[in-house]
Amino acid sequence: MSDTPEFEQDEQALAEEKTKLDKPGMFKVLLHNDDFTTMEFVVFVLNQVFLRTPAESVTIMLKVHNDGVGVAGVYPYEVAKMKAEKAMNLARAREFPFLCTVEEE
């Protein structure tokens, strides 16, 4: 048995343990095309919710229009979910069937 009291040995064992934290996963917010939501509204959402410049907003909106889906941004899960919900709430208030989904990057 050692001369060191037991509680000091426990503290040494805990001090040697290192915790490694992983970076949070990133998630894409996808905007989906439909036949009713206006292009102007999509640009507005990209400006106001996703903080895109006017030029970026138009580029993303055209991608959504031409390809059926476009990436509004990439964020940690909680931020991505909140931004998608905010965008869809704005759309519902204006009676647009606008759809945003969140997908792991």
PDB file of N, CA and C in Angstrom:
ATOM      1  N   MET A   1       0.840  -1.182   0.000  1.00  0.00           N
ATOM      2  CA  MET A   1       0.000   0.000   0.000  1.00  0.00           C
ATOM      3  C   MET A   1       0.877   1.236   0.000  1.00  0.00           C
ATOM      4  N   SER A   2       0.426   2.316  -0.654  1.00  0.00           N
ATOM      5  CA  SER A   2       1.248   3.515  -0.753  1.00  0.00           C
ATOM      6  C   SER A   2       1.031   4.427   0.444  1.00  0.00           C
ATOM      7  N   ASP A   3       1.949   5.380   0.589  1.00  0.00           N
ATOM      8  CA  ASP A   3       1.868   6.327   1.697  1.00  0.00           C
ATOM      9  C   ASP A   3       0.892   7.468   1.403  1.00  0.00           C
ATOM     10  N   THR A   4       0.448   7.619   0.152  1.00  0.00           N
ATOM     11  CA  THR A   4      -0.456   8.700  -0.227  1.00  0.00           C
ATOM     12  C   THR A   4      -1.879   8.327   0.189  1.00  0.00           C
ATOM     13  N   PRO A   5      -2.585   9.274   0.835  1.00  0.00           N
ATOM     14  CA  PRO A   5      -3.977   8.980   1.210  1.00  0.00           C
ATOM     15  C   PRO A   5      -4.815   8.656  -0.026  1.00  0.00           C
ATOM     16  N   GLU A   6      -5.847   7.842   0.175  1.00  0.00           N
ATOM     17  CA  GLU A   6      -6.671   7.342  -0.926  1.00  0.00           C
ATOM     18  C   GLU A   6      -7.323   8.464  -1.735  1.00  0.00           C
ATOM     19  N   PHE A   7      -7.814   9.516  -1.077  1.00  0.00           N
ATOM     20  CA  PHE A   7      -8.488  10.587  -1.812  1.00  0.00           C
ATOM     21  C   PHE A   7      -7.537  11.323  -2.751  1.00  0.00           C
ATOM     22  N   GLU A   8      -6.265  11.434  -2.435  1.00  0.00           N
ATOM     23  CA  GLU A   8      -5.300  12.077  -3.316  1.00  0.00           C
ATOM     24  C   GLU A   8      -5.041  11.207  -4.549  1.00  0.00           C
ATOM     25  N   GLN A   9      -5.057   9.910  -4.391  1.00  0.00           N
ATOM     26  CA  GLN A   9      -4.880   9.011  -5.534  1.00  0.00           C
ATOM     27  C   GLN A   9      -6.060   9.155  -6.493  1.00  0.00           C
ATOM     28  N   ASP A  10      -7.268   9.287  -5.969  1.00  0.00           N
ATOM     29  CA  ASP A  10      -8.452   9.460  -6.807  1.00  0.00           C
ATOM     30  C   ASP A  10      -8.365  10.755  -7.606  1.00  0.00           C
ATOM     31  N   GLU A  11      -7.906  11.843  -6.989  1.00  0.00           N
ATOM     32  CA  GLU A  11      -7.776  13.116  -7.688  1.00  0.00           C
ATOM     33  C   GLU A  11      -6.760  13.013  -8.825  1.00  0.00           C
ATOM     34  N   GLN A  12      -5.678  12.284  -8.591  1.00  0.00           N
ATOM     35  CA  GLN A  12      -4.672  12.121  -9.631  1.00  0.00           C
ATOM     36  C   GLN A  12      -5.245  11.339 -10.806  1.00  0.00           C
ATOM     37  N   ALA A  13      -6.023  10.333 -10.527  1.00  0.00           N
ATOM     38  CA  ALA A  13      -6.622   9.524 -11.589  1.00  0.00           C
ATOM     39  C   ALA A  13      -7.583  10.370 -12.417  1.00  0.00           C
ATOM     40  N   LEU A  14      -8.361  11.230 -11.762  1.00  0.00           N
ATOM     41  CA  LEU A  14      -9.295  12.082 -12.487  1.00  0.00           C
ATOM     42  C   LEU A  14      -8.567  13.149 -13.296  1.00  0.00           C
ATOM     43  N   ALA A  15      -7.516  13.683 -12.787  1.00  0.00           N
ATOM     44  CA  ALA A  15      -6.774  14.729 -13.477  1.00  0.00           C
ATOM     45  C   ALA A  15      -6.126  14.209 -14.755  1.00  0.00           C
ATOM     46  N   GLU A  16      -5.776  12.961 -14.804  1.00  0.00           N
ATOM     47  CA  GLU A  16      -5.111  12.387 -15.967  1.00  0.00           C
ATOM     48  C   GLU A  16      -6.081  12.082 -17.105  1.00  0.00           C
ATOM     49  N   GLU A  17      -7.366  11.967 -16.787  1.00  0.00           N
ATOM     50  CA  GLU A  17      -8.369  11.667 -17.795  1.00  0.00           C
ATOM     51  C   GLU A  17      -8.610  12.897 -18.655  1.00  0.00           C
ATOM     52  N   LYS A  18      -8.563  12.760 -19.973  1.00  0.00           N
ATOM     53  CA  LYS A  18      -8.808  13.874 -20.878  1.00  0.00           C
ATOM     54  C   LYS A  18     -10.096  13.625 -21.637  1.00  0.00           C
ATOM     55  N   THR A  19     -10.890  14.656 -21.742  1.00  0.00           N
ATOM     56  CA  THR A  19     -12.143  14.563 -22.468  1.00  0.00           C
ATOM     57  C   THR A  19     -11.954  15.181 -23.842  1.00  0.00           C
ATOM     58  N   LYS A  20     -12.284  14.419 -24.861  1.00  0.00           N
ATOM     59  CA  LYS A  20     -12.189  14.932 -26.226  1.00  0.00           C
ATOM     60  C   LYS A  20     -13.601  15.208 -26.729  1.00  0.00           C
ATOM     61  N   LEU A  21     -13.836  16.447 -27.121  1.00  0.00           N
ATOM     62  CA  LEU A  21     -15.135  16.825 -27.644  1.00  0.00           C
ATOM     63  C   LEU A  21     -15.080  16.887 -29.160  1.00  0.00           C
ATOM     64  N   ASP A  22     -16.077  16.305 -29.791  1.00  0.00           N
ATOM     65  CA  ASP A  22     -16.168  16.361 -31.242  1.00  0.00           C
ATOM     66  C   ASP A  22     -16.865  17.652 -31.643  1.00  0.00           C
ATOM     67  N   LYS A  23     -16.503  18.172 -32.817  1.00  0.00           N
ATOM     68  CA  LYS A  23     -17.192  19.335 -33.343  1.00  0.00           C
ATOM     69  C   LYS A  23     -18.620  18.920 -33.682  1.00  0.00           C
ATOM     70  N   PRO A  24     -19.578  19.826 -33.481  1.00  0.00           N
ATOM     71  CA  PRO A  24     -20.956  19.465 -33.833  1.00  0.00           C
ATOM     72  C   PRO A  24     -21.078  19.275 -35.346  1.00  0.00           C
ATOM     73  N   GLY A  25     -21.938  18.358 -35.732  1.00  0.00           N
ATOM     74  CA  GLY A  25     -22.170  18.134 -37.155  1.00  0.00           C
ATOM     75  C   GLY A  25     -22.828  19.349 -37.781  1.00  0.00           C
ATOM     76  N   MET A  26     -22.600  19.527 -39.054  1.00  0.00           N
ATOM     77  CA  MET A  26     -23.189  20.655 -39.770  1.00  0.00           C
ATOM     78  C   MET A  26     -24.347  20.152 -40.628  1.00  0.00           C
ATOM     79  N   PHE A  27     -25.341  21.020 -40.794  1.00  0.00           N
ATOM     80  CA  PHE A  27     -26.556  20.653 -41.499  1.00  0.00           C
ATOM     81  C   PHE A  27     -26.898  21.703 -42.550  1.00  0.00           C
ATOM     82  N   LYS A  28     -27.340  21.224 -43.713  1.00  0.00           N
ATOM     83  CA  LYS A  28     -27.736  22.105 -44.812  1.00  0.00           C
ATOM     84  C   LYS A  28     -29.216  22.437 -44.674  1.00  0.00           C
ATOM     85  N   VAL A  29     -29.557  23.679 -44.949  1.00  0.00           N
ATOM     86  CA  VAL A  29     -30.960  24.070 -45.058  1.00  0.00           C
ATOM     87  C   VAL A  29     -31.258  24.121 -46.547  1.00  0.00           C
ATOM     88  N   LEU A  30     -32.167  23.259 -46.965  1.00  0.00           N
ATOM     89  CA  LEU A  30     -32.526  23.156 -48.384  1.00  0.00           C
ATOM     90  C   LEU A  30     -33.854  23.861 -48.651  1.00  0.00           C
ATOM     91  N   LEU A  31     -33.888  24.631 -49.711  1.00  0.00           N
ATOM     92  CA  LEU A  31     -35.120  25.283 -50.157  1.00  0.00           C
ATOM     93  C   LEU A  31     -35.637  24.492 -51.347  1.00  0.00           C
ATOM     94  N   HIS A  32     -36.937  24.198 -51.329  1.00  0.00           N
ATOM     95  CA  HIS A  32     -37.540  23.385 -52.383  1.00  0.00           C
ATOM     96  C   HIS A  32     -38.450  24.238 -53.261  1.00  0.00           C
ATOM     97  N   ASN A  33     -38.403  23.979 -54.546  1.00  0.00           N
ATOM     98  CA  ASN A  33     -39.213  24.720 -55.510  1.00  0.00           C
ATOM     99  C   ASN A  33     -40.668  24.261 -55.454  1.00  0.00           C
ATOM    100  N   ASP A  34     -41.556  25.199 -55.702  1.00  0.00           N
ATOM    101  CA  ASP A  34     -42.970  24.869 -55.890  1.00  0.00           C
ATOM    102  C   ASP A  34     -43.524  25.839 -56.927  1.00  0.00           C
ATOM    103  N   ASP A  35     -44.750  25.626 -57.335  1.00  0.00           N
ATOM    104  CA  ASP A  35     -45.335  26.436 -58.405  1.00  0.00           C
ATOM    105  C   ASP A  35     -46.050  27.693 -57.906  1.00  0.00           C
ATOM    106  N   PHE A  36     -46.056  27.935 -56.590  1.00  0.00           N
ATOM    107  CA  PHE A  36     -46.847  29.040 -56.058  1.00  0.00           C
ATOM    108  C   PHE A  36     -46.042  30.114 -55.339  1.00  0.00           C
ATOM    109  N   THR A  37     -44.970  29.736 -54.675  1.00  0.00           N
ATOM    110  CA  THR A  37     -44.151  30.708 -53.945  1.00  0.00           C
ATOM    111  C   THR A  37     -43.411  31.579 -54.952  1.00  0.00           C
ATOM    112  N   THR A  38     -43.491  32.886 -54.756  1.00  0.00           N
ATOM    113  CA  THR A  38     -42.879  33.793 -55.731  1.00  0.00           C
ATOM    114  C   THR A  38     -41.356  33.840 -55.571  1.00  0.00           C
ATOM    115  N   MET A  39     -40.703  34.164 -56.663  1.00  0.00           N
ATOM    116  CA  MET A  39     -39.250  34.312 -56.639  1.00  0.00           C
ATOM    117  C   MET A  39     -38.848  35.457 -55.709  1.00  0.00           C
ATOM    118  N   GLU A  40     -39.647  36.520 -55.701  1.00  0.00           N
ATOM    119  CA  GLU A  40     -39.364  37.668 -54.848  1.00  0.00           C
ATOM    120  C   GLU A  40     -39.388  37.275 -53.376  1.00  0.00           C
ATOM    121  N   PHE A  41     -40.335  36.410 -53.012  1.00  0.00           N
ATOM    122  CA  PHE A  41     -40.417  35.978 -51.620  1.00  0.00           C
ATOM    123  C   PHE A  41     -39.203  35.133 -51.241  1.00  0.00           C
ATOM    124  N   VAL A  42     -38.765  34.268 -52.131  1.00  0.00           N
ATOM    125  CA  VAL A  42     -37.584  33.439 -51.859  1.00  0.00           C
ATOM    126  C   VAL A  42     -36.356  34.324 -51.662  1.00  0.00           C
ATOM    127  N   VAL A  43     -36.200  35.332 -52.500  1.00  0.00           N
ATOM    128  CA  VAL A  43     -35.085  36.276 -52.341  1.00  0.00           C
ATOM    129  C   VAL A  43     -35.206  37.000 -51.001  1.00  0.00           C
ATOM    130  N   PHE A  44     -36.410  37.416 -50.640  1.00  0.00           N
ATOM    131  CA  PHE A  44     -36.651  38.084 -49.358  1.00  0.00           C
ATOM    132  C   PHE A  44     -36.232  37.192 -48.188  1.00  0.00           C
ATOM    133  N   VAL A  45     -36.629  35.930 -48.217  1.00  0.00           N
ATOM    134  CA  VAL A  45     -36.282  34.982 -47.152  1.00  0.00           C
ATOM    135  C   VAL A  45     -34.767  34.792 -47.078  1.00  0.00           C
ATOM    136  N   LEU A  46     -34.133  34.646 -48.205  1.00  0.00           N
ATOM    137  CA  LEU A  46     -32.678  34.470 -48.211  1.00  0.00           C
ATOM    138  C   LEU A  46     -31.968  35.698 -47.638  1.00  0.00           C
ATOM    139  N   ASN A  47     -32.487  36.896 -47.924  1.00  0.00           N
ATOM    140  CA  ASN A  47     -31.915  38.129 -47.367  1.00  0.00           C
ATOM    141  C   ASN A  47     -32.147  38.234 -45.866  1.00  0.00           C
ATOM    142  N   GLN A  48     -33.385  38.042 -45.455  1.00  0.00           N
ATOM    143  CA  GLN A  48     -33.778  38.321 -44.074  1.00  0.00           C
ATOM    144  C   GLN A  48     -33.470  37.199 -43.092  1.00  0.00           C
ATOM    145  N   VAL A  49     -33.681  35.972 -43.485  1.00  0.00           N
ATOM    146  CA  VAL A  49     -33.507  34.837 -42.570  1.00  0.00           C
ATOM    147  C   VAL A  49     -32.089  34.278 -42.648  1.00  0.00           C
ATOM    148  N   PHE A  50     -31.586  34.141 -43.862  1.00  0.00           N
ATOM    149  CA  PHE A  50     -30.284  33.502 -44.050  1.00  0.00           C
ATOM    150  C   PHE A  50     -29.146  34.508 -44.222  1.00  0.00           C
ATOM    151  N   LEU A  51     -29.500  35.804 -44.166  1.00  0.00           N
ATOM    152  CA  LEU A  51     -28.521  36.897 -44.212  1.00  0.00           C
ATOM    153  C   LEU A  51     -27.608  36.830 -45.440  1.00  0.00           C
ATOM    154  N   ARG A  52     -28.193  36.511 -46.561  1.00  0.00           N
ATOM    155  CA  ARG A  52     -27.465  36.475 -47.832  1.00  0.00           C
ATOM    156  C   ARG A  52     -27.497  37.849 -48.486  1.00  0.00           C
ATOM    157  N   THR A  53     -26.471  38.145 -49.264  1.00  0.00           N
ATOM    158  CA  THR A  53     -26.455  39.408 -50.005  1.00  0.00           C
ATOM    159  C   THR A  53     -27.513  39.320 -51.106  1.00  0.00           C
ATOM    160  N   PRO A  54     -27.910  40.463 -51.660  1.00  0.00           N
ATOM    161  CA  PRO A  54     -28.884  40.409 -52.759  1.00  0.00           C
ATOM    162  C   PRO A  54     -28.408  39.542 -53.930  1.00  0.00           C
ATOM    163  N   ALA A  55     -27.133  39.638 -54.288  1.00  0.00           N
ATOM    164  CA  ALA A  55     -26.611  38.837 -55.402  1.00  0.00           C
ATOM    165  C   ALA A  55     -26.640  37.341 -55.067  1.00  0.00           C
ATOM    166  N   GLU A  56     -26.223  36.981 -53.853  1.00  0.00           N
ATOM    167  CA  GLU A  56     -26.264  35.567 -53.443  1.00  0.00           C
ATOM    168  C   GLU A  56     -27.700  35.059 -53.425  1.00  0.00           C
ATOM    169  N   SER A  57     -28.606  35.896 -52.944  1.00  0.00           N
ATOM    170  CA  SER A  57     -30.018  35.496 -52.851  1.00  0.00           C
ATOM    171  C   SER A  57     -30.598  35.179 -54.221  1.00  0.00           C
ATOM    172  N   VAL A  58     -30.308  36.019 -55.192  1.00  0.00           N
ATOM    173  CA  VAL A  58     -30.818  35.790 -56.550  1.00  0.00           C
ATOM    174  C   VAL A  58     -30.201  34.519 -57.131  1.00  0.00           C
ATOM    175  N   THR A  59     -28.916  34.316 -56.916  1.00  0.00           N
ATOM    176  CA  THR A  59     -28.244  33.115 -57.428  1.00  0.00           C
ATOM    177  C   THR A  59     -28.856  31.847 -56.833  1.00  0.00           C
ATOM    178  N   ILE A  60     -29.067  31.837 -55.519  1.00  0.00           N
ATOM    179  CA  ILE A  60     -29.659  30.662 -54.851  1.00  0.00           C
ATOM    180  C   ILE A  60     -31.095  30.467 -55.319  1.00  0.00           C
ATOM    181  N   MET A  61     -31.859  31.557 -55.424  1.00  0.00           N
ATOM    182  CA  MET A  61     -33.250  31.458 -55.870  1.00  0.00           C
ATOM    183  C   MET A  61     -33.322  30.855 -57.275  1.00  0.00           C
ATOM    184  N   LEU A  62     -32.431  31.274 -58.170  1.00  0.00           N
ATOM    185  CA  LEU A  62     -32.427  30.712 -59.528  1.00  0.00           C
ATOM    186  C   LEU A  62     -32.052  29.238 -59.523  1.00  0.00           C
ATOM    187  N   LYS A  63     -31.144  28.849 -58.630  1.00  0.00           N
ATOM    188  CA  LYS A  63     -30.787  27.422 -58.501  1.00  0.00           C
ATOM    189  C   LYS A  63     -32.015  26.618 -58.061  1.00  0.00           C
ATOM    190  N   VAL A  64     -32.733  27.148 -57.072  1.00  0.00           N
ATOM    191  CA  VAL A  64     -33.956  26.476 -56.604  1.00  0.00           C
ATOM    192  C   VAL A  64     -34.961  26.388 -57.758  1.00  0.00           C
ATOM    193  N   HIS A  65     -35.138  27.479 -58.473  1.00  0.00           N
ATOM    194  CA  HIS A  65     -36.103  27.522 -59.574  1.00  0.00           C
ATOM    195  C   HIS A  65     -35.740  26.549 -60.694  1.00  0.00           C
ATOM    196  N   ASN A  66     -34.472  26.507 -61.049  1.00  0.00           N
ATOM    197  CA  ASN A  66     -34.042  25.669 -62.182  1.00  0.00           C
ATOM    198  C   ASN A  66     -33.810  24.206 -61.823  1.00  0.00           C
ATOM    199  N   ASP A  67     -33.273  23.955 -60.625  1.00  0.00           N
ATOM    200  CA  ASP A  67     -32.914  22.584 -60.244  1.00  0.00           C
ATOM    201  C   ASP A  67     -33.915  21.927 -59.293  1.00  0.00           C
ATOM    202  N   GLY A  68     -34.832  22.717 -58.766  1.00  0.00           N
ATOM    203  CA  GLY A  68     -35.829  22.151 -57.850  1.00  0.00           C
ATOM    204  C   GLY A  68     -35.438  22.236 -56.392  1.00  0.00           C
ATOM    205  N   VAL A  69     -34.167  22.453 -56.105  1.00  0.00           N
ATOM    206  CA  VAL A  69     -33.704  22.556 -54.719  1.00  0.00           C
ATOM    207  C   VAL A  69     -32.395  23.346 -54.694  1.00  0.00           C
ATOM    208  N   GLY A  70     -32.184  24.068 -53.602  1.00  0.00           N
ATOM    209  CA  GLY A  70     -30.943  24.823 -53.444  1.00  0.00           C
ATOM    210  C   GLY A  70     -30.584  24.935 -51.979  1.00  0.00           C
ATOM    211  N   VAL A  71     -29.321  25.152 -51.694  1.00  0.00           N
ATOM    212  CA  VAL A  71     -28.836  25.247 -50.314  1.00  0.00           C
ATOM    213  C   VAL A  71     -28.833  26.708 -49.886  1.00  0.00           C
ATOM    214  N   ALA A  72     -29.593  26.999 -48.846  1.00  0.00           N
ATOM    215  CA  ALA A  72     -29.648  28.353 -48.310  1.00  0.00           C
ATOM    216  C   ALA A  72     -28.451  28.635 -47.408  1.00  0.00           C
ATOM    217  N   GLY A  73     -27.965  27.597 -46.725  1.00  0.00           N
ATOM    218  CA  GLY A  73     -26.824  27.761 -45.838  1.00  0.00           C
ATOM    219  C   GLY A  73     -26.513  26.469 -45.106  1.00  0.00           C
ATOM    220  N   VAL A  74     -25.372  26.461 -44.422  1.00  0.00           N
ATOM    221  CA  VAL A  74     -24.932  25.297 -43.651  1.00  0.00           C
ATOM    222  C   VAL A  74     -24.647  25.775 -42.236  1.00  0.00           C
ATOM    223  N   TYR A  75     -25.288  25.119 -41.253  1.00  0.00           N
ATOM    224  CA  TYR A  75     -25.238  25.570 -39.869  1.00  0.00           C
ATOM    225  C   TYR A  75     -25.226  24.366 -38.922  1.00  0.00           C
ATOM    226  N   PRO A  76     -24.909  24.606 -37.636  1.00  0.00           N
ATOM    227  CA  PRO A  76     -25.137  23.555 -36.633  1.00  0.00           C
ATOM    228  C   PRO A  76     -26.638  23.236 -36.604  1.00  0.00           C
ATOM    229  N   TYR A  77     -26.989  22.060 -36.140  1.00  0.00           N
ATOM    230  CA  TYR A  77     -28.374  21.561 -36.237  1.00  0.00           C
ATOM    231  C   TYR A  77     -29.414  22.540 -35.697  1.00  0.00           C
ATOM    232  N   GLU A  78     -29.222  23.033 -34.479  1.00  0.00           N
ATOM    233  CA  GLU A  78     -30.236  23.901 -33.867  1.00  0.00           C
ATOM    234  C   GLU A  78     -30.439  25.180 -34.661  1.00  0.00           C
ATOM    235  N   VAL A  79     -29.371  25.751 -35.171  1.00  0.00           N
ATOM    236  CA  VAL A  79     -29.471  26.972 -35.973  1.00  0.00           C
ATOM    237  C   VAL A  79     -30.178  26.669 -37.299  1.00  0.00           C
ATOM    238  N   ALA A  80     -29.797  25.578 -37.936  1.00  0.00           N
ATOM    239  CA  ALA A  80     -30.423  25.187 -39.206  1.00  0.00           C
ATOM    240  C   ALA A  80     -31.920  24.967 -39.030  1.00  0.00           C
ATOM    241  N   LYS A  81     -32.284  24.271 -37.980  1.00  0.00           N
ATOM    242  CA  LYS A  81     -33.700  23.988 -37.722  1.00  0.00           C
ATOM    243  C   LYS A  81     -34.478  25.280 -37.471  1.00  0.00           C
ATOM    244  N   MET A  82     -33.892  26.183 -36.676  1.00  0.00           N
ATOM    245  CA  MET A  82     -34.556  27.445 -36.357  1.00  0.00           C
ATOM    246  C   MET A  82     -34.751  28.288 -37.618  1.00  0.00           C
ATOM    247  N   LYS A  83     -33.731  28.374 -38.472  1.00  0.00           N
ATOM    248  CA  LYS A  83     -33.832  29.178 -39.687  1.00  0.00           C
ATOM    249  C   LYS A  83     -34.861  28.583 -40.651  1.00  0.00           C
ATOM    250  N   ALA A  84     -34.894  27.262 -40.782  1.00  0.00           N
ATOM    251  CA  ALA A  84     -35.882  26.612 -41.653  1.00  0.00           C
ATOM    252  C   ALA A  84     -37.297  26.879 -41.150  1.00  0.00           C
ATOM    253  N   GLU A  85     -37.500  26.774 -39.852  1.00  0.00           N
ATOM    254  CA  GLU A  85     -38.832  27.028 -39.279  1.00  0.00           C
ATOM    255  C   GLU A  85     -39.243  28.482 -39.453  1.00  0.00           C
ATOM    256  N   LYS A  86     -38.304  29.403 -39.243  1.00  0.00           N
ATOM    257  CA  LYS A  86     -38.610  30.823 -39.414  1.00  0.00           C
ATOM    258  C   LYS A  86     -39.020  31.123 -40.851  1.00  0.00           C
ATOM    259  N   ALA A  87     -38.285  30.561 -41.809  1.00  0.00           N
ATOM    260  CA  ALA A  87     -38.604  30.768 -43.225  1.00  0.00           C
ATOM    261  C   ALA A  87     -39.988  30.220 -43.563  1.00  0.00           C
ATOM    262  N   MET A  88     -40.299  29.038 -43.062  1.00  0.00           N
ATOM    263  CA  MET A  88     -41.606  28.442 -43.365  1.00  0.00           C
ATOM    264  C   MET A  88     -42.730  29.192 -42.661  1.00  0.00           C
ATOM    265  N   ASN A  89     -42.478  29.729 -41.463  1.00  0.00           N
ATOM    266  CA  ASN A  89     -43.499  30.529 -40.780  1.00  0.00           C
ATOM    267  C   ASN A  89     -43.801  31.812 -41.556  1.00  0.00           C
ATOM    268  N   LEU A  90     -42.767  32.452 -42.091  1.00  0.00           N
ATOM    269  CA  LEU A  90     -42.990  33.634 -42.936  1.00  0.00           C
ATOM    270  C   LEU A  90     -43.824  33.264 -44.162  1.00  0.00           C
ATOM    271  N   ALA A  91     -43.531  32.123 -44.756  1.00  0.00           N
ATOM    272  CA  ALA A  91     -44.273  31.671 -45.938  1.00  0.00           C
ATOM    273  C   ALA A  91     -45.733  31.382 -45.590  1.00  0.00           C
ATOM    274  N   ARG A  92     -45.966  30.702 -44.476  1.00  0.00           N
ATOM    275  CA  ARG A  92     -47.343  30.368 -44.084  1.00  0.00           C
ATOM    276  C   ARG A  92     -48.155  31.635 -43.828  1.00  0.00           C
ATOM    277  N   ALA A  93     -47.506  32.648 -43.249  1.00  0.00           N
ATOM    278  CA  ALA A  93     -48.194  33.911 -42.983  1.00  0.00           C
ATOM    279  C   ALA A  93     -48.632  34.585 -44.292  1.00  0.00           C
ATOM    280  N   ARG A  94     -47.932  34.292 -45.380  1.00  0.00           N
ATOM    281  CA  ARG A  94     -48.265  34.852 -46.693  1.00  0.00           C
ATOM    282  C   ARG A  94     -48.977  33.821 -47.584  1.00  0.00           C
ATOM    283  N   GLU A  95     -49.326  32.696 -46.987  1.00  0.00           N
ATOM    284  CA  GLU A  95     -50.070  31.618 -47.645  1.00  0.00           C
ATOM    285  C   GLU A  95     -49.320  30.998 -48.827  1.00  0.00           C
ATOM    286  N   PHE A  96     -47.992  30.876 -48.677  1.00  0.00           N
ATOM    287  CA  PHE A  96     -47.180  30.174 -49.665  1.00  0.00           C
ATOM    288  C   PHE A  96     -46.889  28.765 -49.153  1.00  0.00           C
ATOM    289  N   PRO A  97     -46.860  27.769 -50.049  1.00  0.00           N
ATOM    290  CA  PRO A  97     -46.537  26.395 -49.627  1.00  0.00           C
ATOM    291  C   PRO A  97     -45.030  26.125 -49.618  1.00  0.00           C
ATOM    292  N   PHE A  98     -44.252  27.136 -49.328  1.00  0.00           N
ATOM    293  CA  PHE A  98     -42.787  27.081 -49.329  1.00  0.00           C
ATOM    294  C   PHE A  98     -42.297  25.994 -48.373  1.00  0.00           C
ATOM    295  N   LEU A  99     -41.307  25.219 -48.829  1.00  0.00           N
ATOM    296  CA  LEU A  99     -40.769  24.124 -48.002  1.00  0.00           C
ATOM    297  C   LEU A  99     -39.278  24.268 -47.830  1.00  0.00           C
ATOM    298  N   CYS A 100     -38.844  24.208 -46.572  1.00  0.00           N
ATOM    299  CA  CYS A 100     -37.421  24.165 -46.218  1.00  0.00           C
ATOM    300  C   CYS A 100     -37.193  22.875 -45.449  1.00  0.00           C
ATOM    301  N   THR A 101     -36.134  22.177 -45.771  1.00  0.00           N
ATOM    302  CA  THR A 101     -35.782  20.979 -45.015  1.00  0.00           C
ATOM    303  C   THR A 101     -34.355  21.107 -44.522  1.00  0.00           C
ATOM    304  N   VAL A 102     -34.033  20.307 -43.491  1.00  0.00           N
ATOM    305  CA  VAL A 102     -32.703  20.296 -42.908  1.00  0.00           C
ATOM    306  C   VAL A 102     -32.122  18.911 -43.151  1.00  0.00           C
ATOM    307  N   GLU A 103     -30.899  18.878 -43.676  1.00  0.00           N
ATOM    308  CA  GLU A 103     -30.254  17.616 -44.031  1.00  0.00           C
ATOM    309  C   GLU A 103     -28.799  17.648 -43.575  1.00  0.00           C
ATOM    310  N   GLU A 104     -28.324  16.544 -43.056  1.00  0.00           N
ATOM    311  CA  GLU A 104     -26.932  16.481 -42.604  1.00  0.00           C
ATOM    312  C   GLU A 104     -25.998  16.667 -43.795  1.00  0.00           C
ATOM    313  N   GLU A 105     -24.949  17.447 -43.562  1.00  0.00           N
ATOM    314  CA  GLU A 105     -23.992  17.725 -44.643  1.00  0.00           C
ATOM    315  C   GLU A 105     -23.133  16.507 -44.928  1.00  0.00           C
TER     316      GLU A 105
END
